[in-house]
């Protein structure tokens, strides 16, 4: 799966922040956990699958493209 874009990450973070912010009946502990879970998911989707230059992955020196994977 391709990584999400920076604007998509921003939109998901905003959505996570807005999800429970206007509901006075929300349990604070539950809301914090929900926010942490949503942010972690968005950041994971932004990072995992992203292609990056990786230094020192070959015999000798140099760089090579690498894809960040969740292993």
Protein backbone atom coordinates (compact mmCIF):
# COMPACT_ATOMS: atom_id res chain seq x y z
CA UNK A 1 0.00 0.00 0.00
CA UNK A 2 1.35 3.43 -0.89
CA UNK A 3 1.92 5.91 1.90
CA UNK A 4 -0.60 8.72 2.29
CA UNK A 5 0.35 12.27 1.35
CA UNK A 6 1.14 15.09 3.77
CA UNK A 7 -2.23 16.80 3.08
CA UNK A 8 -3.99 13.47 3.76
CA UNK A 9 -2.04 13.13 7.02
CA UNK A 10 -3.03 16.65 8.01
CA UNK A 11 -6.70 15.95 7.26
CA UNK A 12 -6.64 12.75 9.32
CA UNK A 13 -4.98 14.51 12.26
CA UNK A 14 -7.58 17.30 12.12
CA UNK A 15 -10.39 14.73 11.95
CA UNK A 16 -8.95 12.90 14.97
CA UNK A 17 -8.74 16.14 16.94
CA UNK A 18 -12.26 17.19 15.94
CA UNK A 19 -13.89 13.78 16.51
CA UNK A 20 -14.62 14.17 20.23
CA UNK A 21 -13.78 17.80 20.89
CA UNK A 22 -17.33 19.17 20.98
CA UNK A 23 -18.97 16.40 22.99
CA UNK A 24 -19.12 17.30 26.70
CA UNK A 25 -20.31 13.80 27.63
CA UNK A 26 -17.14 12.10 26.36
CA UNK A 27 -15.01 10.30 28.93
CA UNK A 28 -11.60 12.04 28.96
CA UNK A 29 -9.61 8.82 29.26
CA UNK A 30 -11.49 7.21 26.38
CA UNK A 31 -11.17 10.34 24.24
CA UNK A 32 -7.40 10.49 24.80
CA UNK A 33 -7.02 6.82 23.87
CA UNK A 34 -9.16 7.30 20.76
CA UNK A 35 -7.05 10.32 19.76
CA UNK A 36 -3.80 8.40 20.32
CA UNK A 37 -5.09 5.46 18.25
CA UNK A 38 -6.22 7.71 15.39
CA UNK A 39 -2.94 9.66 15.33
CA UNK A 40 -0.88 6.46 15.46
CA UNK A 41 -2.85 5.02 12.55
CA UNK A 42 -2.44 8.19 10.47
CA UNK A 43 1.30 8.43 11.17
CA UNK A 44 1.74 4.73 10.38
CA UNK A 45 -0.02 5.20 7.04
CA UNK A 46 2.16 8.25 6.31
CA UNK A 47 5.46 6.45 7.06
CA UNK A 48 4.97 2.80 6.10
CA UNK A 49 5.21 2.29 2.36
CA UNK A 50 7.12 5.52 1.80
CA UNK A 51 10.15 5.23 -0.49
CA UNK A 52 13.29 6.82 0.87
CA UNK A 53 17.01 6.91 0.16
CA UNK A 54 18.85 4.56 2.50
CA UNK A 55 22.59 5.05 3.02
CA UNK A 56 24.92 2.10 3.52
CA UNK A 57 22.65 -0.74 2.52
CA UNK A 58 25.02 -2.08 -0.14
CA UNK A 59 28.44 -3.63 0.08
CA UNK A 60 30.77 -0.65 0.17
CA UNK A 61 29.19 2.74 0.24
CA UNK A 62 26.41 4.49 -1.57
CA UNK A 63 22.70 4.89 -1.37
CA UNK A 64 19.80 2.84 -2.59
CA UNK A 65 16.07 3.39 -2.61
CA UNK A 66 14.26 1.54 0.12
CA UNK A 67 10.64 1.16 1.13
CA UNK A 68 9.75 1.51 4.81
CA UNK A 69 7.91 -1.62 5.86
CA UNK A 70 6.00 -2.63 8.96
CA UNK A 71 7.59 -5.97 9.83
